[in-house]
Every structure is written in C-alpha cells, then in structure tokens.
Amino acid sequence: MSKRRPNRSRIKSTKDRLRLSVFRSNAEIYAQIIDDEKNLTIVSSSSLKLENGGNIKAAAEVGKDIAEKAKSKKIKKVVFDRGNHVYHGRVKALAEAARENGLDF
C-alpha cells in the first residue's frame, strides 16, 4: 500500500493565485476555482451542467467554460490542482483548454 500525501496538502491558493481544482469521475468531469483563505468557491463548471458527457471533448469544453467564467470575475492566475489524477486524457484536455482561453498556471 502506498503512502501518498493528498495533493491538496501541497497545493494551496495564495493572495495572487487561486486554486483550480479538477475532479474526474467515470462519467463526468468537474472544475472549481477556490479561494482557500476564505474557504469559498468562486467559479465552477462541469460536464454535467453543460450536458455533453464526460469524454475528452467535454473536458475541453469545461476548461473553456471555467476560463471564461474566471475572466468575468477578473481571475487570470491560478494554481492547478489535479487531485490524485494523472495529467493525462480528460484532465490534460481541461487544463490545455483553460490555458488557451486565458488562465495562467
């Protein structure tokens, strides 16, 4: 049994960078921009809300949506928190789409 530390314990938001947290289930993918100092979710998006399934194309749409919502709240810089998921497939597609649409991490 491996003794992995949770990723969240190493990644925290700061005053100049909020945390972009990604959760991936078998069917859907979710993204939230969180302010850890205030314990507040600023912006969220999911493939469930966009009603387009949980594939790579849907993950890219969630990344684009979260970046557009972040722009409207004047958020540009974030710290990427992928949880214990590997940076591959849907998680990677979400991150690349968010970067292409203006988020800096």
PDB file of N, CA and C in Angstrom:
ATOM      1  N   MET A   1       0.847  -1.179   0.000  1.00  0.00           N
ATOM      2  CA  MET A   1       0.000   0.000   0.000  1.00  0.00           C
ATOM      3  C   MET A   1       0.886   1.233   0.000  1.00  0.00           C
ATOM      4  N   SER A   2       0.628   2.129  -0.906  1.00  0.00           N
ATOM      5  CA  SER A   2       1.438   3.338  -0.979  1.00  0.00           C
ATOM      6  C   SER A   2       0.945   4.368   0.030  1.00  0.00           C
ATOM      7  N   LYS A   3       1.866   5.196   0.482  1.00  0.00           N
ATOM      8  CA  LYS A   3       1.532   6.253   1.427  1.00  0.00           C
ATOM      9  C   LYS A   3       1.628   7.583   0.709  1.00  0.00           C
ATOM     10  N   ARG A   4       0.643   7.855  -0.107  1.00  0.00           N
ATOM     11  CA  ARG A   4       0.635   9.100  -0.864  1.00  0.00           C
ATOM     12  C   ARG A   4       0.039  10.208  -0.016  1.00  0.00           C
ATOM     13  N   ARG A   5       0.689  11.352  -0.038  1.00  0.00           N
ATOM     14  CA  ARG A   5       0.113  12.523   0.604  1.00  0.00           C
ATOM     15  C   ARG A   5      -0.935  13.105  -0.321  1.00  0.00           C
ATOM     16  N   PRO A   6      -2.037  13.565   0.213  1.00  0.00           N
ATOM     17  CA  PRO A   6      -3.017  14.214  -0.665  1.00  0.00           C
ATOM     18  C   PRO A   6      -2.402  15.433  -1.349  1.00  0.00           C
ATOM     19  N   ASN A   7      -2.730  15.616  -2.603  1.00  0.00           N
ATOM     20  CA  ASN A   7      -2.207  16.724  -3.390  1.00  0.00           C
ATOM     21  C   ASN A   7      -2.623  18.068  -2.798  1.00  0.00           C
ATOM     22  N   ARG A   8      -3.797  18.114  -2.187  1.00  0.00           N
ATOM     23  CA  ARG A   8      -4.329  19.351  -1.639  1.00  0.00           C
ATOM     24  C   ARG A   8      -3.450  19.893  -0.508  1.00  0.00           C
ATOM     25  N   SER A   9      -2.770  18.994   0.215  1.00  0.00           N
ATOM     26  CA  SER A   9      -1.911  19.454   1.307  1.00  0.00           C
ATOM     27  C   SER A   9      -0.676  20.178   0.783  1.00  0.00           C
ATOM     28  N   ARG A  10      -0.297  19.929  -0.460  1.00  0.00           N
ATOM     29  CA  ARG A  10       0.867  20.583  -1.046  1.00  0.00           C
ATOM     30  C   ARG A  10       0.499  21.804  -1.865  1.00  0.00           C
ATOM     31  N   ILE A  11      -0.729  21.858  -2.373  1.00  0.00           N
ATOM     32  CA  ILE A  11      -1.150  22.950  -3.245  1.00  0.00           C
ATOM     33  C   ILE A  11      -2.169  23.797  -2.502  1.00  0.00           C
ATOM     34  N   LYS A  12      -1.829  25.035  -2.287  1.00  0.00           N
ATOM     35  CA  LYS A  12      -2.733  25.975  -1.621  1.00  0.00           C
ATOM     36  C   LYS A  12      -2.834  27.232  -2.465  1.00  0.00           C
ATOM     37  N   SER A  13      -3.975  27.880  -2.391  1.00  0.00           N
ATOM     38  CA  SER A  13      -4.097  29.154  -3.069  1.00  0.00           C
ATOM     39  C   SER A  13      -3.428  30.228  -2.220  1.00  0.00           C
ATOM     40  N   THR A  14      -3.001  31.288  -2.867  1.00  0.00           N
ATOM     41  CA  THR A  14      -2.403  32.427  -2.180  1.00  0.00           C
ATOM     42  C   THR A  14      -3.188  33.671  -2.546  1.00  0.00           C
ATOM     43  N   LYS A  15      -2.724  34.826  -2.094  1.00  0.00           N
ATOM     44  CA  LYS A  15      -3.442  36.061  -2.386  1.00  0.00           C
ATOM     45  C   LYS A  15      -3.469  36.366  -3.881  1.00  0.00           C
ATOM     46  N   ASP A  16      -2.385  36.040  -4.586  1.00  0.00           N
ATOM     47  CA  ASP A  16      -2.337  36.361  -6.013  1.00  0.00           C
ATOM     48  C   ASP A  16      -2.751  35.196  -6.915  1.00  0.00           C
ATOM     49  N   ARG A  17      -2.846  33.978  -6.378  1.00  0.00           N
ATOM     50  CA  ARG A  17      -3.243  32.824  -7.188  1.00  0.00           C
ATOM     51  C   ARG A  17      -4.268  31.979  -6.436  1.00  0.00           C
ATOM     52  N   LEU A  18      -5.418  31.771  -7.065  1.00  0.00           N
ATOM     53  CA  LEU A  18      -6.434  30.893  -6.513  1.00  0.00           C
ATOM     54  C   LEU A  18      -6.180  29.479  -7.015  1.00  0.00           C
ATOM     55  N   ARG A  19      -6.902  28.494  -6.487  1.00  0.00           N
ATOM     56  CA  ARG A  19      -6.678  27.089  -6.842  1.00  0.00           C
ATOM     57  C   ARG A  19      -7.754  26.618  -7.811  1.00  0.00           C
ATOM     58  N   LEU A  20      -7.321  26.065  -8.959  1.00  0.00           N
ATOM     59  CA  LEU A  20      -8.226  25.436  -9.916  1.00  0.00           C
ATOM     60  C   LEU A  20      -8.218  23.943  -9.620  1.00  0.00           C
ATOM     61  N   SER A  21      -9.282  23.460  -9.005  1.00  0.00           N
ATOM     62  CA  SER A  21      -9.388  22.067  -8.609  1.00  0.00           C
ATOM     63  C   SER A  21     -10.187  21.290  -9.640  1.00  0.00           C
ATOM     64  N   VAL A  22      -9.678  20.108 -10.015  1.00  0.00           N
ATOM     65  CA  VAL A  22     -10.337  19.265 -11.006  1.00  0.00           C
ATOM     66  C   VAL A  22     -10.695  17.935 -10.369  1.00  0.00           C
ATOM     67  N   PHE A  23     -11.944  17.509 -10.556  1.00  0.00           N
ATOM     68  CA  PHE A  23     -12.385  16.185 -10.115  1.00  0.00           C
ATOM     69  C   PHE A  23     -12.920  15.453 -11.327  1.00  0.00           C
ATOM     70  N   ARG A  24     -12.477  14.216 -11.468  1.00  0.00           N
ATOM     71  CA  ARG A  24     -12.887  13.399 -12.609  1.00  0.00           C
ATOM     72  C   ARG A  24     -13.533  12.127 -12.079  1.00  0.00           C
ATOM     73  N   SER A  25     -14.784  11.886 -12.473  1.00  0.00           N
ATOM     74  CA  SER A  25     -15.434  10.619 -12.169  1.00  0.00           C
ATOM     75  C   SER A  25     -15.439   9.787 -13.450  1.00  0.00           C
ATOM     76  N   ASN A  26     -15.998   8.603 -13.381  1.00  0.00           N
ATOM     77  CA  ASN A  26     -16.057   7.784 -14.592  1.00  0.00           C
ATOM     78  C   ASN A  26     -16.954   8.396 -15.658  1.00  0.00           C
ATOM     79  N   ALA A  27     -17.972   9.147 -15.236  1.00  0.00           N
ATOM     80  CA  ALA A  27     -18.954   9.663 -16.186  1.00  0.00           C
ATOM     81  C   ALA A  27     -18.819  11.153 -16.471  1.00  0.00           C
ATOM     82  N   GLU A  28     -18.310  11.943 -15.536  1.00  0.00           N
ATOM     83  CA  GLU A  28     -18.300  13.398 -15.676  1.00  0.00           C
ATOM     84  C   GLU A  28     -16.948  13.979 -15.255  1.00  0.00           C
ATOM     85  N   ILE A  29     -16.769  15.273 -15.512  1.00  0.00           N
ATOM     86  CA  ILE A  29     -15.584  15.995 -15.051  1.00  0.00           C
ATOM     87  C   ILE A  29     -16.033  17.356 -14.514  1.00  0.00           C
ATOM     88  N   TYR A  30     -15.436  17.757 -13.397  1.00  0.00           N
ATOM     89  CA  TYR A  30     -15.832  18.972 -12.698  1.00  0.00           C
ATOM     90  C   TYR A  30     -14.599  19.845 -12.463  1.00  0.00           C
ATOM     91  N   ALA A  31     -14.786  21.164 -12.479  1.00  0.00           N
ATOM     92  CA  ALA A  31     -13.699  22.098 -12.192  1.00  0.00           C
ATOM     93  C   ALA A  31     -14.238  23.231 -11.323  1.00  0.00           C
ATOM     94  N   GLN A  32     -13.421  23.651 -10.339  1.00  0.00           N
ATOM     95  CA  GLN A  32     -13.790  24.754  -9.452  1.00  0.00           C
ATOM     96  C   GLN A  32     -12.581  25.635  -9.238  1.00  0.00           C
ATOM     97  N   ILE A  33     -12.801  26.932  -9.134  1.00  0.00           N
ATOM     98  CA  ILE A  33     -11.755  27.852  -8.711  1.00  0.00           C
ATOM     99  C   ILE A  33     -12.079  28.221  -7.276  1.00  0.00           C
ATOM    100  N   ILE A  34     -11.132  27.918  -6.366  1.00  0.00           N
ATOM    101  CA  ILE A  34     -11.368  28.004  -4.932  1.00  0.00           C
ATOM    102  C   ILE A  34     -10.401  28.981  -4.286  1.00  0.00           C
ATOM    103  N   ASP A  35     -10.906  29.782  -3.358  1.00  0.00           N
ATOM    104  CA  ASP A  35     -10.083  30.639  -2.514  1.00  0.00           C
ATOM    105  C   ASP A  35      -9.936  29.922  -1.178  1.00  0.00           C
ATOM    106  N   ASP A  36      -8.761  29.351  -0.918  1.00  0.00           N
ATOM    107  CA  ASP A  36      -8.540  28.573   0.302  1.00  0.00           C
ATOM    108  C   ASP A  36      -8.510  29.438   1.553  1.00  0.00           C
ATOM    109  N   GLU A  37      -8.112  30.689   1.429  1.00  0.00           N
ATOM    110  CA  GLU A  37      -8.057  31.557   2.600  1.00  0.00           C
ATOM    111  C   GLU A  37      -9.447  31.879   3.127  1.00  0.00           C
ATOM    112  N   LYS A  38     -10.410  32.012   2.222  1.00  0.00           N
ATOM    113  CA  LYS A  38     -11.785  32.326   2.614  1.00  0.00           C
ATOM    114  C   LYS A  38     -12.681  31.084   2.619  1.00  0.00           C
ATOM    115  N   ASN A  39     -12.141  29.924   2.204  1.00  0.00           N
ATOM    116  CA  ASN A  39     -12.916  28.685   2.067  1.00  0.00           C
ATOM    117  C   ASN A  39     -14.160  28.919   1.210  1.00  0.00           C
ATOM    118  N   LEU A  40     -13.931  29.451   0.007  1.00  0.00           N
ATOM    119  CA  LEU A  40     -15.025  29.867  -0.850  1.00  0.00           C
ATOM    120  C   LEU A  40     -14.781  29.411  -2.283  1.00  0.00           C
ATOM    121  N   THR A  41     -15.805  28.843  -2.905  1.00  0.00           N
ATOM    122  CA  THR A  41     -15.740  28.515  -4.327  1.00  0.00           C
ATOM    123  C   THR A  41     -16.169  29.743  -5.111  1.00  0.00           C
ATOM    124  N   ILE A  42     -15.261  30.246  -5.936  1.00  0.00           N
ATOM    125  CA  ILE A  42     -15.526  31.461  -6.705  1.00  0.00           C
ATOM    126  C   ILE A  42     -16.303  31.136  -7.981  1.00  0.00           C
ATOM    127  N   VAL A  43     -15.822  30.137  -8.723  1.00  0.00           N
ATOM    128  CA  VAL A  43     -16.397  29.776 -10.026  1.00  0.00           C
ATOM    129  C   VAL A  43     -16.388  28.259 -10.143  1.00  0.00           C
ATOM    130  N   SER A  44     -17.413  27.699 -10.778  1.00  0.00           N
ATOM    131  CA  SER A  44     -17.416  26.258 -11.008  1.00  0.00           C
ATOM    132  C   SER A  44     -18.029  25.948 -12.371  1.00  0.00           C
ATOM    133  N   SER A  45     -17.677  24.777 -12.882  1.00  0.00           N
ATOM    134  CA  SER A  45     -18.224  24.300 -14.148  1.00  0.00           C
ATOM    135  C   SER A  45     -18.126  22.781 -14.162  1.00  0.00           C
ATOM    136  N   SER A  46     -18.981  22.148 -14.906  1.00  0.00           N
ATOM    137  CA  SER A  46     -18.911  20.688 -15.011  1.00  0.00           C
ATOM    138  C   SER A  46     -19.511  20.236 -16.330  1.00  0.00           C
ATOM    139  N   SER A  47     -19.153  19.035 -16.725  1.00  0.00           N
ATOM    140  CA  SER A  47     -19.737  18.468 -17.935  1.00  0.00           C
ATOM    141  C   SER A  47     -21.197  18.107 -17.685  1.00  0.00           C
ATOM    142  N   LEU A  48     -21.567  17.965 -16.442  1.00  0.00           N
ATOM    143  CA  LEU A  48     -22.960  17.697 -16.090  1.00  0.00           C
ATOM    144  C   LEU A  48     -23.832  18.907 -16.408  1.00  0.00           C
ATOM    145  N   LYS A  49     -23.346  20.110 -16.073  1.00  0.00           N
ATOM    146  CA  LYS A  49     -24.092  21.336 -16.359  1.00  0.00           C
ATOM    147  C   LYS A  49     -24.143  21.621 -17.862  1.00  0.00           C
ATOM    148  N   LEU A  50     -23.063  21.288 -18.552  1.00  0.00           N
ATOM    149  CA  LEU A  50     -23.009  21.543 -19.995  1.00  0.00           C
ATOM    150  C   LEU A  50     -23.725  20.459 -20.796  1.00  0.00           C
ATOM    151  N   GLU A  51     -24.087  19.379 -20.112  1.00  0.00           N
ATOM    152  CA  GLU A  51     -24.829  18.267 -20.714  1.00  0.00           C
ATOM    153  C   GLU A  51     -24.180  17.732 -21.981  1.00  0.00           C
ATOM    154  N   ASN A  52     -22.905  17.367 -21.860  1.00  0.00           N
ATOM    155  CA  ASN A  52     -22.216  16.843 -23.033  1.00  0.00           C
ATOM    156  C   ASN A  52     -21.377  15.609 -22.724  1.00  0.00           C
ATOM    157  N   GLY A  53     -21.666  14.926 -21.626  1.00  0.00           N
ATOM    158  CA  GLY A  53     -20.951  13.699 -21.307  1.00  0.00           C
ATOM    159  C   GLY A  53     -19.644  13.961 -20.608  1.00  0.00           C
ATOM    160  N   GLY A  54     -18.828  12.933 -20.506  1.00  0.00           N
ATOM    161  CA  GLY A  54     -17.587  13.049 -19.767  1.00  0.00           C
ATOM    162  C   GLY A  54     -16.364  12.669 -20.569  1.00  0.00           C
ATOM    163  N   ASN A  55     -16.391  12.841 -21.882  1.00  0.00           N
ATOM    164  CA  ASN A  55     -15.246  12.472 -22.706  1.00  0.00           C
ATOM    165  C   ASN A  55     -14.238  13.624 -22.817  1.00  0.00           C
ATOM    166  N   ILE A  56     -13.217  13.452 -23.618  1.00  0.00           N
ATOM    167  CA  ILE A  56     -12.162  14.462 -23.758  1.00  0.00           C
ATOM    168  C   ILE A  56     -12.716  15.761 -24.347  1.00  0.00           C
ATOM    169  N   LYS A  57     -13.626  15.646 -25.297  1.00  0.00           N
ATOM    170  CA  LYS A  57     -14.233  16.848 -25.878  1.00  0.00           C
ATOM    171  C   LYS A  57     -15.003  17.627 -24.814  1.00  0.00           C
ATOM    172  N   ALA A  58     -15.721  16.922 -23.961  1.00  0.00           N
ATOM    173  CA  ALA A  58     -16.471  17.566 -22.876  1.00  0.00           C
ATOM    174  C   ALA A  58     -15.526  18.225 -21.880  1.00  0.00           C
ATOM    175  N   ALA A  59     -14.406  17.571 -21.599  1.00  0.00           N
ATOM    176  CA  ALA A  59     -13.425  18.146 -20.665  1.00  0.00           C
ATOM    177  C   ALA A  59     -12.856  19.442 -21.221  1.00  0.00           C
ATOM    178  N   ALA A  60     -12.609  19.482 -22.518  1.00  0.00           N
ATOM    179  CA  ALA A  60     -12.108  20.711 -23.142  1.00  0.00           C
ATOM    180  C   ALA A  60     -13.149  21.829 -23.050  1.00  0.00           C
ATOM    181  N   GLU A  61     -14.416  21.488 -23.202  1.00  0.00           N
ATOM    182  CA  GLU A  61     -15.470  22.490 -23.085  1.00  0.00           C
ATOM    183  C   GLU A  61     -15.582  23.018 -21.657  1.00  0.00           C
ATOM    184  N   VAL A  62     -15.388  22.141 -20.675  1.00  0.00           N
ATOM    185  CA  VAL A  62     -15.404  22.559 -19.271  1.00  0.00           C
ATOM    186  C   VAL A  62     -14.227  23.497 -19.004  1.00  0.00           C
ATOM    187  N   GLY A  63     -13.052  23.189 -19.563  1.00  0.00           N
ATOM    188  CA  GLY A  63     -11.889  24.061 -19.424  1.00  0.00           C
ATOM    189  C   GLY A  63     -12.132  25.434 -20.025  1.00  0.00           C
ATOM    190  N   LYS A  64     -12.755  25.453 -21.190  1.00  0.00           N
ATOM    191  CA  LYS A  64     -13.076  26.727 -21.837  1.00  0.00           C
ATOM    192  C   LYS A  64     -14.092  27.504 -21.012  1.00  0.00           C
ATOM    193  N   ASP A  65     -15.099  26.823 -20.509  1.00  0.00           N
ATOM    194  CA  ASP A  65     -16.151  27.460 -19.716  1.00  0.00           C
ATOM    195  C   ASP A  65     -15.601  28.035 -18.404  1.00  0.00           C
ATOM    196  N   ILE A  66     -14.758  27.282 -17.726  1.00  0.00           N
ATOM    197  CA  ILE A  66     -14.208  27.763 -16.444  1.00  0.00           C
ATOM    198  C   ILE A  66     -13.295  28.966 -16.686  1.00  0.00           C
ATOM    199  N   ALA A  67     -12.563  28.969 -17.794  1.00  0.00           N
ATOM    200  CA  ALA A  67     -11.688  30.109 -18.111  1.00  0.00           C
ATOM    201  C   ALA A  67     -12.513  31.360 -18.424  1.00  0.00           C
ATOM    202  N   GLU A  68     -13.605  31.198 -19.152  1.00  0.00           N
ATOM    203  CA  GLU A  68     -14.464  32.341 -19.467  1.00  0.00           C
ATOM    204  C   GLU A  68     -15.122  32.898 -18.211  1.00  0.00           C
ATOM    205  N   LYS A  69     -15.569  32.022 -17.317  1.00  0.00           N
ATOM    206  CA  LYS A  69     -16.167  32.477 -16.066  1.00  0.00           C
ATOM    207  C   LYS A  69     -15.130  33.166 -15.189  1.00  0.00           C
ATOM    208  N   ALA A  70     -13.900  32.654 -15.207  1.00  0.00           N
ATOM    209  CA  ALA A  70     -12.822  33.273 -14.428  1.00  0.00           C
ATOM    210  C   ALA A  70     -12.502  34.663 -14.971  1.00  0.00           C
ATOM    211  N   LYS A  71     -12.503  34.813 -16.293  1.00  0.00           N
ATOM    212  CA  LYS A  71     -12.256  36.129 -16.894  1.00  0.00           C
ATOM    213  C   LYS A  71     -13.306  37.136 -16.445  1.00  0.00           C
ATOM    214  N   SER A  72     -14.555  36.691 -16.371  1.00  0.00           N
ATOM    215  CA  SER A  72     -15.629  37.603 -15.956  1.00  0.00           C
ATOM    216  C   SER A  72     -15.470  38.037 -14.501  1.00  0.00           C
ATOM    217  N   LYS A  73     -14.793  37.214 -13.690  1.00  0.00           N
ATOM    218  CA  LYS A  73     -14.514  37.561 -12.290  1.00  0.00           C
ATOM    219  C   LYS A  73     -13.131  38.186 -12.125  1.00  0.00           C
ATOM    220  N   LYS A  74     -12.460  38.465 -13.271  1.00  0.00           N
ATOM    221  CA  LYS A  74     -11.127  39.078 -13.301  1.00  0.00           C
ATOM    222  C   LYS A  74     -10.069  38.213 -12.621  1.00  0.00           C
ATOM    223  N   ILE A  75     -10.156  36.898 -12.841  1.00  0.00           N
ATOM    224  CA  ILE A  75      -9.168  35.944 -12.343  1.00  0.00           C
ATOM    225  C   ILE A  75      -8.321  35.509 -13.526  1.00  0.00           C
ATOM    226  N   LYS A  76      -7.008  35.695 -13.425  1.00  0.00           N
ATOM    227  CA  LYS A  76      -6.108  35.308 -14.519  1.00  0.00           C
ATOM    228  C   LYS A  76      -5.128  34.219 -14.101  1.00  0.00           C
ATOM    229  N   LYS A  77      -4.629  34.284 -12.868  1.00  0.00           N
ATOM    230  CA  LYS A  77      -3.621  33.337 -12.414  1.00  0.00           C
ATOM    231  C   LYS A  77      -4.215  32.364 -11.407  1.00  0.00           C
ATOM    232  N   VAL A  78      -3.964  31.073 -11.641  1.00  0.00           N
ATOM    233  CA  VAL A  78      -4.437  30.033 -10.738  1.00  0.00           C
ATOM    234  C   VAL A  78      -3.333  29.004 -10.531  1.00  0.00           C
ATOM    235  N   VAL A  79      -3.517  28.177  -9.516  1.00  0.00           N
ATOM    236  CA  VAL A  79      -2.659  27.021  -9.264  1.00  0.00           C
ATOM    237  C   VAL A  79      -3.480  25.802  -9.655  1.00  0.00           C
ATOM    238  N   PHE A  80      -2.933  24.915 -10.479  1.00  0.00           N
ATOM    239  CA  PHE A  80      -3.672  23.758 -10.972  1.00  0.00           C
ATOM    240  C   PHE A  80      -3.586  22.616  -9.977  1.00  0.00           C
ATOM    241  N   ASP A  81      -4.735  22.150  -9.500  1.00  0.00           N
ATOM    242  CA  ASP A  81      -4.825  21.031  -8.555  1.00  0.00           C
ATOM    243  C   ASP A  81      -5.575  19.899  -9.246  1.00  0.00           C
ATOM    244  N   ARG A  82      -4.839  18.891  -9.673  1.00  0.00           N
ATOM    245  CA  ARG A  82      -5.445  17.772 -10.390  1.00  0.00           C
ATOM    246  C   ARG A  82      -5.862  16.650  -9.450  1.00  0.00           C
ATOM    247  N   GLY A  83      -5.705  16.857  -8.136  1.00  0.00           N
ATOM    248  CA  GLY A  83      -6.029  15.811  -7.174  1.00  0.00           C
ATOM    249  C   GLY A  83      -5.041  14.671  -7.325  1.00  0.00           C
ATOM    250  N   ASN A  84      -5.513  13.441  -7.238  1.00  0.00           N
ATOM    251  CA  ASN A  84      -4.644  12.288  -7.431  1.00  0.00           C
ATOM    252  C   ASN A  84      -4.761  11.730  -8.840  1.00  0.00           C
ATOM    253  N   HIS A  85      -5.313  12.523  -9.745  1.00  0.00           N
ATOM    254  CA  HIS A  85      -5.463  12.073 -11.122  1.00  0.00           C
ATOM    255  C   HIS A  85      -4.205  12.394 -11.918  1.00  0.00           C
ATOM    256  N   VAL A  86      -3.848  11.502 -12.807  1.00  0.00           N
ATOM    257  CA  VAL A  86      -2.687  11.677 -13.654  1.00  0.00           C
ATOM    258  C   VAL A  86      -2.976  12.768 -14.679  1.00  0.00           C
ATOM    259  N   TYR A  87      -1.959  13.576 -15.006  1.00  0.00           N
ATOM    260  CA  TYR A  87      -2.104  14.634 -16.014  1.00  0.00           C
ATOM    261  C   TYR A  87      -2.105  13.971 -17.383  1.00  0.00           C
ATOM    262  N   HIS A  88      -3.289  13.476 -17.772  1.00  0.00           N
ATOM    263  CA  HIS A  88      -3.415  12.683 -18.985  1.00  0.00           C
ATOM    264  C   HIS A  88      -4.881  12.666 -19.380  1.00  0.00           C
ATOM    265  N   GLY A  89      -5.174  12.575 -20.643  1.00  0.00           N
ATOM    266  CA  GLY A  89      -6.547  12.414 -21.104  1.00  0.00           C
ATOM    267  C   GLY A  89      -7.436  13.597 -20.795  1.00  0.00           C
ATOM    268  N   ARG A  90      -8.512  13.351 -20.044  1.00  0.00           N
ATOM    269  CA  ARG A  90      -9.504  14.395 -19.770  1.00  0.00           C
ATOM    270  C   ARG A  90      -8.950  15.525 -18.915  1.00  0.00           C
ATOM    271  N   VAL A  91      -8.110  15.195 -17.941  1.00  0.00           N
ATOM    272  CA  VAL A  91      -7.521  16.233 -17.076  1.00  0.00           C
ATOM    273  C   VAL A  91      -6.619  17.141 -17.904  1.00  0.00           C
ATOM    274  N   LYS A  92      -5.823  16.551 -18.781  1.00  0.00           N
ATOM    275  CA  LYS A  92      -4.940  17.324 -19.651  1.00  0.00           C
ATOM    276  C   LYS A  92      -5.741  18.185 -20.624  1.00  0.00           C
ATOM    277  N   ALA A  93      -6.813  17.643 -21.186  1.00  0.00           N
ATOM    278  CA  ALA A  93      -7.649  18.396 -22.128  1.00  0.00           C
ATOM    279  C   ALA A  93      -8.282  19.607 -21.443  1.00  0.00           C
ATOM    280  N   LEU A  94      -8.751  19.438 -20.209  1.00  0.00           N
ATOM    281  CA  LEU A  94      -9.331  20.541 -19.462  1.00  0.00           C
ATOM    282  C   LEU A  94      -8.291  21.624 -19.205  1.00  0.00           C
ATOM    283  N   ALA A  95      -7.097  21.221 -18.776  1.00  0.00           N
ATOM    284  CA  ALA A  95      -6.033  22.177 -18.469  1.00  0.00           C
ATOM    285  C   ALA A  95      -5.598  22.947 -19.715  1.00  0.00           C
ATOM    286  N   GLU A  96      -5.416  22.262 -20.824  1.00  0.00           N
ATOM    287  CA  GLU A  96      -4.979  22.932 -22.050  1.00  0.00           C
ATOM    288  C   GLU A  96      -6.036  23.901 -22.572  1.00  0.00           C
ATOM    289  N   ALA A  97      -7.314  23.520 -22.467  1.00  0.00           N
ATOM    290  CA  ALA A  97      -8.384  24.417 -22.913  1.00  0.00           C
ATOM    291  C   ALA A  97      -8.466  25.648 -22.022  1.00  0.00           C
ATOM    292  N   ALA A  98      -8.257  25.471 -20.732  1.00  0.00           N
ATOM    293  CA  ALA A  98      -8.277  26.613 -19.811  1.00  0.00           C
ATOM    294  C   ALA A  98      -7.118  27.560 -20.117  1.00  0.00           C
ATOM    295  N   ARG A  99      -5.941  27.002 -20.413  1.00  0.00           N
ATOM    296  CA  ARG A  99      -4.781  27.832 -20.774  1.00  0.00           C
ATOM    297  C   ARG A  99      -5.035  28.594 -22.066  1.00  0.00           C
ATOM    298  N   GLU A 100      -5.579  27.911 -23.069  1.00  0.00           N
ATOM    299  CA  GLU A 100      -5.838  28.553 -24.359  1.00  0.00           C
ATOM    300  C   GLU A 100      -6.834  29.693 -24.245  1.00  0.00           C
ATOM    301  N   ASN A 101      -7.697  29.632 -23.245  1.00  0.00           N
ATOM    302  CA  ASN A 101      -8.730  30.655 -23.089  1.00  0.00           C
ATOM    303  C   ASN A 101      -8.402  31.679 -22.015  1.00  0.00           C
ATOM    304  N   GLY A 102      -7.121  31.755 -21.609  1.00  0.00           N
ATOM    305  CA  GLY A 102      -6.693  32.888 -20.803  1.00  0.00           C
ATOM    306  C   GLY A 102      -6.253  32.639 -19.385  1.00  0.00           C
ATOM    307  N   LEU A 103      -6.412  31.429 -18.854  1.00  0.00           N
ATOM    308  CA  LEU A 103      -5.933  31.176 -17.492  1.00  0.00           C
ATOM    309  C   LEU A 103      -4.434  30.902 -17.514  1.00  0.00           C
ATOM    310  N   ASP A 104      -3.730  31.418 -16.523  1.00  0.00           N
ATOM    311  CA  ASP A 104      -2.286  31.259 -16.432  1.00  0.00           C
ATOM    312  C   ASP A 104      -1.961  30.378 -15.237  1.00  0.00           C
ATOM    313  N   PHE A 105      -1.383  29.195 -15.520  1.00  0.00           N
ATOM    314  CA  PHE A 105      -0.891  28.305 -14.451  1.00  0.00           C
ATOM    315  C   PHE A 105       0.240  27.464 -14.948  1.00  0.00           C
TER     316      PHE A 105
END
